[in-house]
C-alpha atoms as a PDB file:
ATOM      1  CA  MET A   1     -13.783   5.465   9.267  1.00  0.00           C
ATOM      2  CA  SER A   2     -13.528   5.874   5.391  1.00  0.00           C
ATOM      3  CA  ASP A   3     -10.627   4.611   3.456  1.00  0.00           C
ATOM      4  CA  TYR A   4     -10.255   8.211   2.205  1.00  0.00           C
ATOM      5  CA  THR A   5      -9.551   9.171   5.832  1.00  0.00           C
ATOM      6  CA  VAL A   6      -6.980   6.160   6.153  1.00  0.00           C
ATOM      7  CA  ARG A   7      -5.313   7.670   2.737  1.00  0.00           C
ATOM      8  CA  ARG A   8      -5.163  11.128   4.166  1.00  0.00           C
ATOM      9  CA  LEU A   9      -3.423   9.551   7.320  1.00  0.00           C
ATOM     10  CA  SER A  10      -1.040   7.933   5.203  1.00  0.00           C
ATOM     11  CA  MET A  11      -0.204  11.438   3.309  1.00  0.00           C
ATOM     12  CA  TYR A  12       0.162  13.055   6.765  1.00  0.00           C
ATOM     13  CA  TYR A  13       2.589  10.357   7.915  1.00  0.00           C
ATOM     14  CA  ARG A  14       4.787  10.785   4.651  1.00  0.00           C
ATOM     15  CA  ILE A  15       4.793  14.552   5.423  1.00  0.00           C
ATOM     16  CA  LEU A  16       5.679  14.327   8.985  1.00  0.00           C
ATOM     17  CA  ASP A  17       8.528  11.867   7.841  1.00  0.00           C
ATOM     18  CA  GLU A  18      10.046  14.457   5.675  1.00  0.00           C
ATOM     19  CA  LEU A  19       9.664  17.193   8.230  1.00  0.00           C
ATOM     20  CA  GLU A  20      11.302  15.055  10.771  1.00  0.00           C
ATOM     21  CA  ARG A  21      14.050  14.440   8.315  1.00  0.00           C
ATOM     22  CA  GLU A  22      14.312  18.257   7.923  1.00  0.00           C
ATOM     23  CA  SER A  23      14.648  18.733  11.576  1.00  0.00           C
ATOM     24  CA  ASP A  24      11.475  20.524  12.118  1.00  0.00           C
ATOM     25  CA  ASP A  25       9.757  20.357  15.621  1.00  0.00           C
ATOM     26  CA  VAL A  26       6.251  21.507  15.052  1.00  0.00           C
ATOM     27  CA  VAL A  27       3.691  21.509  12.169  1.00  0.00           C
ATOM     28  CA  SER A  28       0.211  23.424  12.168  1.00  0.00           C
ATOM     29  CA  SER A  29      -2.997  21.552  10.752  1.00  0.00           C
ATOM     30  CA  ALA A  30      -3.022  24.580   8.048  1.00  0.00           C
ATOM     31  CA  SER A  31       0.331  23.394   7.156  1.00  0.00           C
ATOM     32  CA  LEU A  32      -0.562  19.802   6.815  1.00  0.00           C
ATOM     33  CA  ALA A  33      -3.636  20.761   4.947  1.00  0.00           C
ATOM     34  CA  ARG A  34      -1.758  22.773   2.648  1.00  0.00           C
ATOM     35  CA  MET A  35       0.563  20.052   1.931  1.00  0.00           C
ATOM     36  CA  THR A  36      -2.293  17.308   1.361  1.00  0.00           C
ATOM     37  CA  GLY A  37      -4.793  19.486  -0.431  1.00  0.00           C
ATOM     38  CA  THR A  38      -7.245  19.418   2.044  1.00  0.00           C
ATOM     39  CA  ASN A  39      -8.424  22.021   4.845  1.00  0.00           C
ATOM     40  CA  SER A  40      -7.499  22.396   8.337  1.00  0.00           C
ATOM     41  CA  ALA A  41     -10.907  21.338   9.722  1.00  0.00           C
ATOM     42  CA  GLN A  42     -10.445  18.042   7.865  1.00  0.00           C
ATOM     43  CA  VAL A  43      -7.023  17.545   9.315  1.00  0.00           C
ATOM     44  CA  ARG A  44      -8.357  18.196  13.001  1.00  0.00           C
ATOM     45  CA  LYS A  45     -11.204  15.918  12.381  1.00  0.00           C
ATOM     46  CA  ASP A  46      -9.134  12.937  10.873  1.00  0.00           C
ATOM     47  CA  LEU A  47      -6.774  12.980  13.941  1.00  0.00           C
ATOM     48  CA  SER A  48      -9.575  13.287  16.253  1.00  0.00           C
ATOM     49  CA  TYR A  49     -10.821   9.680  15.499  1.00  0.00           C
ATOM     50  CA  PHE A  50      -7.980   8.605  17.687  1.00  0.00           C
ATOM     51  CA  GLY A  51      -7.555  10.986  20.462  1.00  0.00           C
ATOM     52  CA  ASN A  52      -6.024  14.438  21.271  1.00  0.00           C
ATOM     53  CA  PHE A  53      -3.138  15.863  19.363  1.00  0.00           C
ATOM     54  CA  GLY A  54      -1.116  19.093  19.748  1.00  0.00           C
ATOM     55  CA  LYS A  55      -2.311  22.226  21.528  1.00  0.00           C
ATOM     56  CA  ARG A  56      -4.554  24.953  20.438  1.00  0.00           C
ATOM     57  CA  GLY A  57      -2.477  27.825  18.931  1.00  0.00           C
ATOM     58  CA  ARG A  58       0.778  25.791  19.048  1.00  0.00           C
ATOM     59  CA  GLY A  59       0.422  23.043  16.335  1.00  0.00           C
ATOM     60  CA  TYR A  60       1.857  19.420  16.731  1.00  0.00           C
ATOM     61  CA  SER A  61       5.112  17.958  17.703  1.00  0.00           C
ATOM     62  CA  VAL A  62       6.224  16.193  14.340  1.00  0.00           C
ATOM     63  CA  SER A  63       8.010  13.315  16.100  1.00  0.00           C
ATOM     64  CA  ASP A  64       5.345  12.657  18.703  1.00  0.00           C
ATOM     65  CA  LEU A  65       2.470  12.771  15.812  1.00  0.00           C
ATOM     66  CA  ARG A  66       4.533  10.647  13.509  1.00  0.00           C
ATOM     67  CA  GLU A  67       4.978   8.136  15.796  1.00  0.00           C
ATOM     68  CA  ARG A  68       1.441   8.024  16.789  1.00  0.00           C
ATOM     69  CA  LEU A  69       0.513   7.922  13.199  1.00  0.00           C
ATOM     70  CA  ARG A  70       3.252   4.976  12.598  1.00  0.00           C
ATOM     71  CA  ALA A  71       1.559   2.757  15.228  1.00  0.00           C
ATOM     72  CA  ILE A  72      -2.124   3.752  14.032  1.00  0.00           C
ATOM     73  CA  LEU A  73      -1.281   2.599  10.486  1.00  0.00           C
ATOM     74  CA  GLY A  74       0.257  -0.498  11.729  1.00  0.00           C
ATOM     75  CA  LEU A  75       3.830   0.408  10.694  1.00  0.00           C
ATOM     76  CA  ASP A  76       5.376  -0.014  14.083  1.00  0.00           C
ATOM     77  CA  ARG A  77       5.902  -3.727  13.140  1.00  0.00           C
ATOM     78  CA  GLN A  78       7.324  -6.059  10.308  1.00  0.00           C
ATOM     79  CA  TRP A  79       4.641  -7.183   7.825  1.00  0.00           C
ATOM     80  CA  ASN A  80       5.675 -10.535   6.004  1.00  0.00           C
ATOM     81  CA  VAL A  81       4.792 -10.220   2.284  1.00  0.00           C
ATOM     82  CA  LEU A  82       4.385 -12.733  -0.490  1.00  0.00           C
ATOM     83  CA  LEU A  83       4.839 -11.855  -4.071  1.00  0.00           C
ATOM     84  CA  VAL A  84       2.727 -13.876  -6.460  1.00  0.00           C
ATOM     85  CA  GLY A  85       3.953 -13.323  -9.987  1.00  0.00           C
ATOM     86  CA  ALA A  86       7.584 -13.144 -11.101  1.00  0.00           C
ATOM     87  CA  GLY A  87       7.182 -11.414 -14.405  1.00  0.00           C
ATOM     88  CA  HIS A  88       8.101  -7.823 -15.268  1.00  0.00           C
ATOM     89  CA  LEU A  89       5.703  -5.957 -12.890  1.00  0.00           C
ATOM     90  CA  GLY A  90       6.563  -8.279 -10.043  1.00  0.00           C
ATOM     91  CA  SER A  91      10.213  -7.734 -10.440  1.00  0.00           C
ATOM     92  CA  ALA A  92       9.702  -3.806 -10.306  1.00  0.00           C
ATOM     93  CA  LEU A  93       7.792  -4.432  -7.188  1.00  0.00           C
ATOM     94  CA  PHE A  94      10.413  -6.478  -5.475  1.00  0.00           C
ATOM     95  CA  SER A  95      13.213  -3.920  -6.476  1.00  0.00           C
ATOM     96  CA  TYR A  96      11.146  -0.975  -4.929  1.00  0.00           C
ATOM     97  CA  LYS A  97      13.056  -0.545  -1.551  1.00  0.00           C
ATOM     98  CA  ASP A  98      10.459   1.612   0.138  1.00  0.00           C
ATOM     99  CA  PHE A  99       8.338  -1.170   0.822  1.00  0.00           C
ATOM    100  CA  ALA A 100      11.170  -2.530   3.299  1.00  0.00           C
ATOM    101  CA  LYS A 101      11.713   1.149   4.797  1.00  0.00           C
ATOM    102  CA  ARG A 102       7.731   1.138   5.733  1.00  0.00           C
ATOM    103  CA  GLY A 103       7.935  -2.564   7.342  1.00  0.00           C
ATOM    104  CA  PHE A 104       6.739  -4.625   4.284  1.00  0.00           C
ATOM    105  CA  HIS A 105       9.463  -7.419   3.775  1.00  0.00           C
ATOM    106  CA  ILE A 106       8.811  -9.570   0.782  1.00  0.00           C
ATOM    107  CA  VAL A 107       9.518 -13.162   2.560  1.00  0.00           C
ATOM    108  CA  GLY A 108       8.676 -15.517  -0.512  1.00  0.00           C
ATOM    109  CA  ILE A 109       7.747 -15.432  -4.177  1.00  0.00           C
ATOM    110  CA  LEU A 110       5.321 -17.675  -6.207  1.00  0.00           C
ATOM    111  CA  ASP A 111       4.900 -18.480  -9.795  1.00  0.00           C
ATOM    112  CA  ASN A 112       3.907 -21.106 -12.121  1.00  0.00           C
ATOM    113  CA  ASP A 113       6.399 -20.448 -15.071  1.00  0.00           C
ATOM    114  CA  PRO A 114       8.758 -23.325 -15.026  1.00  0.00           C
ATOM    115  CA  GLU A 115      11.772 -21.264 -16.277  1.00  0.00           C
ATOM    116  CA  LYS A 116      11.428 -19.039 -13.042  1.00  0.00           C
ATOM    117  CA  LEU A 117      10.808 -21.676 -10.472  1.00  0.00           C
ATOM    118  CA  GLY A 118      13.927 -22.382  -8.384  1.00  0.00           C
ATOM    119  CA  ARG A 119      15.754 -19.109  -9.277  1.00  0.00           C
ATOM    120  CA  SER A 120      16.632 -16.819  -6.397  1.00  0.00           C
ATOM    121  CA  TRP A 121      15.672 -12.946  -6.228  1.00  0.00           C
ATOM    122  CA  ASP A 122      18.444 -11.714  -3.739  1.00  0.00           C
ATOM    123  CA  GLY A 123      18.380 -15.119  -1.656  1.00  0.00           C
ATOM    124  CA  ILE A 124      14.565 -15.496  -1.980  1.00  0.00           C
ATOM    125  CA  ALA A 125      13.627 -18.683  -4.068  1.00  0.00           C
ATOM    126  CA  VAL A 126      10.713 -18.551  -6.387  1.00  0.00           C
ATOM    127  CA  ASN A 127       8.417 -21.508  -5.576  1.00  0.00           C
ATOM    128  CA  ALA A 128       5.606 -22.742  -7.419  1.00  0.00           C
ATOM    129  CA  ILE A 129       2.127 -21.573  -6.422  1.00  0.00           C
ATOM    130  CA  SER A 130       1.103 -25.208  -5.850  1.00  0.00           C
ATOM    131  CA  GLU A 131       3.690 -24.953  -2.623  1.00  0.00           C
ATOM    132  CA  ALA A 132       1.675 -21.985  -1.444  1.00  0.00           C
ATOM    133  CA  GLU A 133       0.829 -23.527   1.853  1.00  0.00           C
ATOM    134  CA  GLU A 134       4.132 -24.515   2.729  1.00  0.00           C
ATOM    135  CA  VAL A 135       5.453 -21.080   1.934  1.00  0.00           C
ATOM    136  CA  VAL A 136       3.054 -19.257   3.778  1.00  0.00           C
ATOM    137  CA  ALA A 137       3.460 -21.677   7.119  1.00  0.00           C
ATOM    138  CA  ARG A 138       7.405 -21.090   6.541  1.00  0.00           C
ATOM    139  CA  THR A 139       7.478 -17.490   6.287  1.00  0.00           C
ATOM    140  CA  GLY A 140       4.573 -16.445   8.492  1.00  0.00           C
ATOM    141  CA  ALA A 141       3.280 -14.159   5.460  1.00  0.00           C
ATOM    142  CA  GLU A 142      -0.037 -12.309   6.474  1.00  0.00           C
ATOM    143  CA  VAL A 143       0.093 -10.068   3.055  1.00  0.00           C
ATOM    144  CA  ALA A 144       0.138 -11.100  -0.554  1.00  0.00           C
ATOM    145  CA  VAL A 145       0.959  -8.802  -3.484  1.00  0.00           C
ATOM    146  CA  ILE A 146      -1.028 -10.222  -6.582  1.00  0.00           C
ATOM    147  CA  VAL A 147       0.295  -9.753 -10.100  1.00  0.00           C
ATOM    148  CA  THR A 148      -0.765 -12.783 -11.925  1.00  0.00           C
ATOM    149  CA  PRO A 149      -2.979 -12.737 -15.226  1.00  0.00           C
ATOM    150  CA  ALA A 150      -6.501 -12.017 -14.293  1.00  0.00           C
ATOM    151  CA  HIS A 151      -7.717 -15.636 -14.856  1.00  0.00           C
ATOM    152  CA  ALA A 152      -5.296 -16.968 -12.050  1.00  0.00           C
ATOM    153  CA  ALA A 153      -6.059 -14.583  -9.584  1.00  0.00           C
ATOM    154  CA  GLN A 154      -9.195 -15.590  -7.826  1.00  0.00           C
ATOM    155  CA  GLU A 155      -7.727 -19.137  -7.398  1.00  0.00           C
ATOM    156  CA  VAL A 156      -4.560 -17.785  -6.131  1.00  0.00           C
ATOM    157  CA  ILE A 157      -6.247 -15.570  -3.468  1.00  0.00           C
ATOM    158  CA  GLU A 158      -8.471 -18.128  -2.169  1.00  0.00           C
ATOM    159  CA  ARG A 159      -5.692 -20.582  -1.826  1.00  0.00           C
ATOM    160  CA  LEU A 160      -3.803 -17.915   0.227  1.00  0.00           C
ATOM    161  CA  THR A 161      -6.885 -17.252   2.175  1.00  0.00           C
ATOM    162  CA  ARG A 162      -7.088 -20.635   3.387  1.00  0.00           C
ATOM    163  CA  ALA A 163      -3.361 -20.838   4.101  1.00  0.00           C
ATOM    164  CA  GLY A 164      -3.898 -17.789   6.394  1.00  0.00           C
ATOM    165  CA  VAL A 165      -3.029 -14.887   4.481  1.00  0.00           C
ATOM    166  CA  ARG A 166      -5.339 -11.857   5.555  1.00  0.00           C
ATOM    167  CA  GLY A 167      -4.601  -9.038   3.211  1.00  0.00           C
ATOM    168  CA  PHE A 168      -3.931  -8.557  -0.390  1.00  0.00           C
ATOM    169  CA  LEU A 169      -2.800  -5.937  -2.749  1.00  0.00           C
ATOM    170  CA  ASN A 170      -4.158  -6.938  -5.986  1.00  0.00           C
ATOM    171  CA  PHE A 171      -2.946  -5.697  -9.380  1.00  0.00           C
ATOM    172  CA  ALA A 172      -4.777  -8.226 -11.545  1.00  0.00           C
ATOM    173  CA  PRO A 173      -7.360  -6.677 -13.557  1.00  0.00           C
ATOM    174  CA  ILE A 174     -10.341  -8.393 -11.659  1.00  0.00           C
ATOM    175  CA  LYS A 175     -12.128  -7.528  -8.547  1.00  0.00           C
ATOM    176  CA  PRO A 176     -11.860 -11.003  -6.688  1.00  0.00           C
ATOM    177  CA  GLU A 177     -14.574 -12.185  -4.431  1.00  0.00           C
ATOM    178  CA  THR A 178     -13.525 -12.589  -0.923  1.00  0.00           C
ATOM    179  CA  THR A 179     -15.112 -13.027   2.410  1.00  0.00           C
ATOM    180  CA  GLU A 180     -14.416 -11.165   5.854  1.00  0.00           C
ATOM    181  CA  PRO A 181     -11.969 -10.713   7.457  1.00  0.00           C
ATOM    182  CA  VAL A 182      -9.831 -10.936   4.441  1.00  0.00           C
ATOM    183  CA  ARG A 183      -9.023  -7.650   3.092  1.00  0.00           C
ATOM    184  CA  VAL A 184      -8.305  -6.480  -0.547  1.00  0.00           C
ATOM    185  CA  ARG A 185      -6.864  -3.467  -2.056  1.00  0.00           C
ATOM    186  CA  ASN A 186      -7.197  -3.441  -5.984  1.00  0.00           C
ATOM    187  CA  VAL A 187      -4.649  -1.332  -7.975  1.00  0.00           C
ATOM    188  CA  ASN A 188      -5.191  -0.866 -11.754  1.00  0.00           C
ATOM    189  CA  ILE A 189      -2.637   1.237 -13.108  1.00  0.00           C
ATOM    190  CA  THR A 190      -3.920   1.060 -16.809  1.00  0.00           C
ATOM    191  CA  ILE A 191      -7.426   2.353 -15.455  1.00  0.00           C
ATOM    192  CA  GLU A 192      -5.612   5.286 -13.760  1.00  0.00           C
ATOM    193  CA  LEU A 193      -3.848   6.050 -16.884  1.00  0.00           C
ATOM    194  CA  GLU A 194      -6.940   5.915 -18.926  1.00  0.00           C
ATOM    195  CA  GLY A 195      -8.738   8.294 -16.652  1.00  0.00           C
ATOM    196  CA  LEU A 196      -5.986  10.779 -16.860  1.00  0.00           C
ATOM    197  CA  ALA A 197      -6.055  10.357 -20.821  1.00  0.00           C
ATOM    198  CA  TYR A 198      -9.710  10.960 -20.666  1.00  0.00           C
ATOM    199  CA  ALA A 199      -9.527  14.142 -18.517  1.00  0.00           C
ATOM    200  CA  LEU A 200      -6.631  15.545 -20.782  1.00  0.00           C
ATOM    201  CA  GLN A 201      -8.470  14.720 -23.734  1.00  0.00           C
ATOM    202  CA  HIS A 202     -11.720  16.317 -22.363  1.00  0.00           C
ATOM    203  CA  ASP A 203      -9.500  19.498 -21.367  1.00  0.00           C
ATOM    204  CA  GLU A 204      -8.582  19.534 -25.113  1.00  0.00           C
ATOM    205  CA  LEU A 205     -11.984  19.329 -26.538  1.00  0.00           C
ATOM    206  CA  THR A 206     -13.349  22.106 -24.184  1.00  0.00           C
ATOM    207  CA  ARG A 207     -10.474  24.472 -24.492  1.00  0.00           C
ATOM    208  CA  PRO A 208     -11.673  27.572 -26.259  1.00  0.00           C
ATOM    209  CA  SER A 209      -9.864  28.171 -29.343  1.00  0.00           C
ATOM    210  CA  LEU A 210      -8.004  31.321 -29.972  1.00  0.00           C
END
Protein backbone atom coordinates (compact mmCIF):
# COMPACT_ATOMS: atom_id res chain seq x y z
CA MET A 1 0.00 0.00 0.00
CA SER A 2 1.40 3.39 -0.98
CA ASP A 3 2.16 6.39 1.22
CA TYR A 4 -0.47 8.30 -0.75
CA THR A 5 -3.14 5.85 0.42
CA VAL A 6 -2.07 6.28 4.04
CA ARG A 7 -2.15 10.07 3.67
CA ARG A 8 -5.70 9.86 2.31
CA LEU A 9 -6.72 7.64 5.22
CA SER A 10 -5.43 10.35 7.56
CA MET A 11 -7.49 12.92 5.70
CA TYR A 12 -10.61 10.74 5.91
CA TYR A 13 -10.01 10.34 9.64
CA ARG A 14 -9.78 14.09 10.22
CA ILE A 15 -12.97 14.69 8.27
CA LEU A 16 -14.79 11.96 10.21
CA ASP A 17 -13.51 13.51 13.44
CA GLU A 18 -15.07 16.82 12.45
CA LEU A 19 -18.32 15.21 11.28
CA GLU A 20 -18.66 13.36 14.58
CA ARG A 21 -18.22 16.62 16.49
CA GLU A 22 -21.02 18.04 14.34
CA SER A 23 -23.20 15.01 15.26
CA ASP A 24 -23.41 13.68 11.70
CA ASP A 25 -24.28 9.97 11.68
CA VAL A 26 -23.67 8.93 8.08
CA VAL A 27 -21.32 10.04 5.30
CA SER A 28 -21.15 8.90 1.69
CA SER A 29 -18.05 8.06 -0.33
CA ALA A 30 -18.99 10.98 -2.60
CA SER A 31 -18.91 13.39 0.34
CA LEU A 32 -15.56 12.08 1.56
CA ALA A 33 -14.22 12.34 -1.98
CA ARG A 34 -15.39 15.91 -2.38
CA MET A 35 -13.86 17.00 0.93
CA THR A 36 -10.51 15.35 0.18
CA GLY A 37 -10.23 16.29 -3.49
CA THR A 38 -10.43 12.75 -4.87
CA ASN A 39 -13.26 10.61 -6.28
CA SER A 40 -15.71 8.07 -4.87
CA ALA A 41 -13.99 5.11 -6.52
CA GLN A 42 -10.69 6.07 -4.87
CA VAL A 43 -12.33 6.34 -1.45
CA ARG A 44 -13.89 2.90 -1.80
CA LYS A 45 -10.60 1.43 -3.06
CA ASP A 46 -8.62 2.92 -0.17
CA LEU A 47 -11.03 1.49 2.39
CA SER A 48 -11.26 -1.89 0.69
CA TYR A 49 -7.67 -2.68 1.68
CA PHE A 50 -8.96 -3.17 5.22
CA GLY A 51 -12.29 -4.91 4.74
CA ASN A 52 -15.89 -3.99 4.09
CA PHE A 53 -17.17 -0.61 5.23
CA GLY A 54 -20.69 0.76 5.00
CA LYS A 55 -23.59 -0.41 2.88
CA ARG A 56 -24.27 0.34 -0.76
CA GLY A 57 -26.71 3.21 -1.06
CA ARG A 58 -26.55 4.04 2.66
CA GLY A 59 -23.01 5.31 3.12
CA TYR A 60 -20.73 4.85 6.11
CA SER A 61 -21.44 5.17 9.80
CA VAL A 62 -19.31 8.16 10.85
CA SER A 63 -18.52 6.85 14.34
CA ASP A 64 -17.80 3.27 13.20
CA LEU A 65 -15.57 4.28 10.28
CA ARG A 66 -13.76 6.82 12.44
CA GLU A 67 -12.95 4.21 15.09
CA ARG A 68 -11.81 1.66 12.54
CA LEU A 69 -9.54 4.19 10.81
CA ARG A 70 -8.23 5.25 14.21
CA ALA A 71 -7.12 1.68 14.85
CA ILE A 72 -5.73 1.22 11.32
CA LEU A 73 -3.63 4.39 11.65
CA GLY A 74 -2.33 3.31 15.05
CA LEU A 75 -4.00 6.18 16.87
CA ASP A 76 -5.77 3.96 19.40
CA ARG A 77 -2.68 3.86 21.59
CA GLN A 78 -0.16 6.30 23.04
CA TRP A 79 3.10 6.94 21.20
CA ASN A 80 5.98 8.24 23.33
CA VAL A 81 7.97 10.83 21.40
CA LEU A 82 11.41 12.38 21.84
CA LEU A 83 12.00 15.92 20.62
CA VAL A 84 15.61 16.35 19.49
CA GLY A 85 16.46 20.03 19.16
CA ALA A 86 15.29 22.66 21.62
CA GLY A 87 15.48 25.67 19.32
CA HIS A 88 12.71 27.84 17.90
CA LEU A 89 11.18 25.12 15.70
CA GLY A 90 11.47 22.59 18.49
CA SER A 91 9.68 24.97 20.85
CA ALA A 92 6.88 25.53 18.32
CA LEU A 93 6.39 21.79 17.80
CA PHE A 94 6.42 21.19 21.57
CA SER A 95 3.63 23.76 21.95
CA TYR A 96 1.47 22.13 19.26
CA LYS A 97 -1.30 20.59 21.36
CA ASP A 98 -2.82 18.52 18.55
CA PHE A 99 0.03 15.99 18.90
CA ALA A 100 -1.23 14.85 22.29
CA LYS A 101 -4.82 14.77 21.06
CA ARG A 102 -3.75 12.28 18.41
CA GLY A 103 -1.86 10.11 20.88
CA PHE A 104 1.66 11.49 20.35
CA HIS A 105 3.07 12.49 23.75
CA ILE A 106 6.44 14.22 23.99
CA VAL A 107 8.18 12.51 26.89
CA GLY A 108 11.75 13.73 26.47
CA ILE A 109 13.78 16.57 24.97
CA LEU A 110 17.40 16.34 23.81
CA ASP A 111 19.82 19.09 22.83
CA ASN A 112 23.53 19.91 22.93
CA ASP A 113 23.33 23.61 23.80
CA PRO A 114 24.77 24.07 27.34
CA GLU A 115 22.43 27.02 27.91
CA LYS A 116 19.38 24.80 27.34
CA LEU A 117 20.49 21.69 29.25
CA GLY A 118 18.78 21.21 32.58
CA ARG A 119 15.94 23.55 31.75
CA SER A 120 12.37 22.30 31.98
CA TRP A 121 9.60 22.64 29.39
CA ASP A 122 6.27 22.04 31.12
CA GLY A 123 7.94 19.61 33.50
CA ILE A 124 10.07 17.84 30.88
CA ALA A 125 13.81 18.32 31.36
CA VAL A 126 16.13 19.09 28.45
CA ASN A 127 18.82 16.39 28.46
CA ALA A 128 22.06 16.17 26.55
CA ILE A 129 22.11 14.06 23.39
CA SER A 130 24.88 12.03 25.05
CA GLU A 131 22.17 10.83 27.47
CA ALA A 132 19.94 9.58 24.63
CA GLU A 133 20.16 5.91 25.57
CA GLU A 134 19.17 6.56 29.17
CA VAL A 135 16.30 8.83 28.14
CA VAL A 136 14.94 6.28 25.66
CA ALA A 137 15.15 3.51 28.24
CA ARG A 138 13.45 5.63 30.90
CA THR A 139 10.64 7.01 28.72
CA GLY A 140 10.01 4.10 26.37
CA ALA A 141 10.18 6.46 23.39
CA GLU A 142 9.53 4.82 20.03
CA VAL A 143 9.39 7.93 17.87
CA ALA A 144 11.72 10.93 17.59
CA VAL A 145 11.15 14.32 16.00
CA ILE A 146 14.48 15.60 14.65
CA VAL A 147 14.93 19.38 14.45
CA THR A 148 18.71 19.50 14.64
CA PRO A 149 21.10 21.16 12.18
CA ALA A 150 21.79 19.06 9.10
CA HIS A 151 25.32 18.08 10.15
CA ALA A 152 24.06 16.51 13.39
CA ALA A 153 20.97 14.68 12.16
CA GLN A 154 22.58 11.51 10.78
CA GLU A 155 24.56 10.79 13.93
CA VAL A 156 21.56 11.51 16.16
CA ILE A 157 19.30 9.17 14.17
CA GLU A 158 21.90 6.39 14.25
CA ARG A 159 22.32 6.79 17.99
CA LEU A 160 18.60 6.76 18.69
CA THR A 161 18.11 3.78 16.38
CA ARG A 162 20.64 1.80 18.42
CA ALA A 163 18.77 2.89 21.56
CA GLY A 164 15.52 1.41 20.21
CA VAL A 165 13.71 4.29 18.51
CA ARG A 166 11.85 2.93 15.47
CA GLY A 167 10.37 5.99 13.77
CA PHE A 168 11.63 9.46 12.92
CA LEU A 169 9.96 12.64 11.76
CA ASN A 170 12.94 14.48 10.31
CA PHE A 171 12.89 18.25 9.85
CA ALA A 172 16.66 18.49 9.28
CA PRO A 173 17.48 19.41 5.65
CA ILE A 174 19.07 16.04 4.79
CA LYS A 175 17.77 12.63 3.83
CA PRO A 176 19.35 10.35 6.43
CA GLU A 177 20.58 6.84 5.69
CA THR A 178 18.71 4.18 7.65
CA THR A 179 18.02 0.47 7.53
CA GLU A 180 14.84 -1.52 8.03
CA PRO A 181 12.79 -1.68 10.16
CA VAL A 182 13.40 2.00 10.98
CA ARG A 183 10.93 4.38 9.37
CA VAL A 184 11.74 7.99 8.49
CA ARG A 185 9.44 10.75 7.28
CA ASN A 186 11.33 13.76 5.93
CA VAL A 187 9.68 17.17 6.25
CA ASN A 188 11.24 20.25 4.69
CA ILE A 189 9.07 23.32 5.09
CA THR A 190 11.46 25.50 3.07
CA ILE A 191 11.31 23.20 0.04
CA GLU A 192 7.50 23.24 0.18
CA LEU A 193 7.49 27.05 0.30
CA GLU A 194 9.99 27.23 -2.56
CA GLY A 195 7.77 24.92 -4.60
CA LEU A 196 4.80 27.17 -3.89
CA ALA A 197 6.84 30.27 -4.80
CA TYR A 198 7.86 28.64 -8.08
CA ALA A 199 4.25 27.80 -8.92
CA LEU A 200 3.10 31.35 -8.18
CA GLN A 201 6.00 32.83 -10.14
CA HIS A 202 5.24 30.51 -13.05
CA ASP A 203 1.57 31.58 -12.95
CA GLU A 204 2.62 35.22 -13.18
CA LEU A 205 4.97 34.57 -16.08
CA THR A 206 2.38 32.64 -18.09
CA ARG A 207 -0.62 34.83 -17.28
CA PRO A 208 -1.72 36.63 -20.46
CA SER A 209 -1.35 40.40 -20.26
CA LEU A 210 -4.45 42.54 -20.74
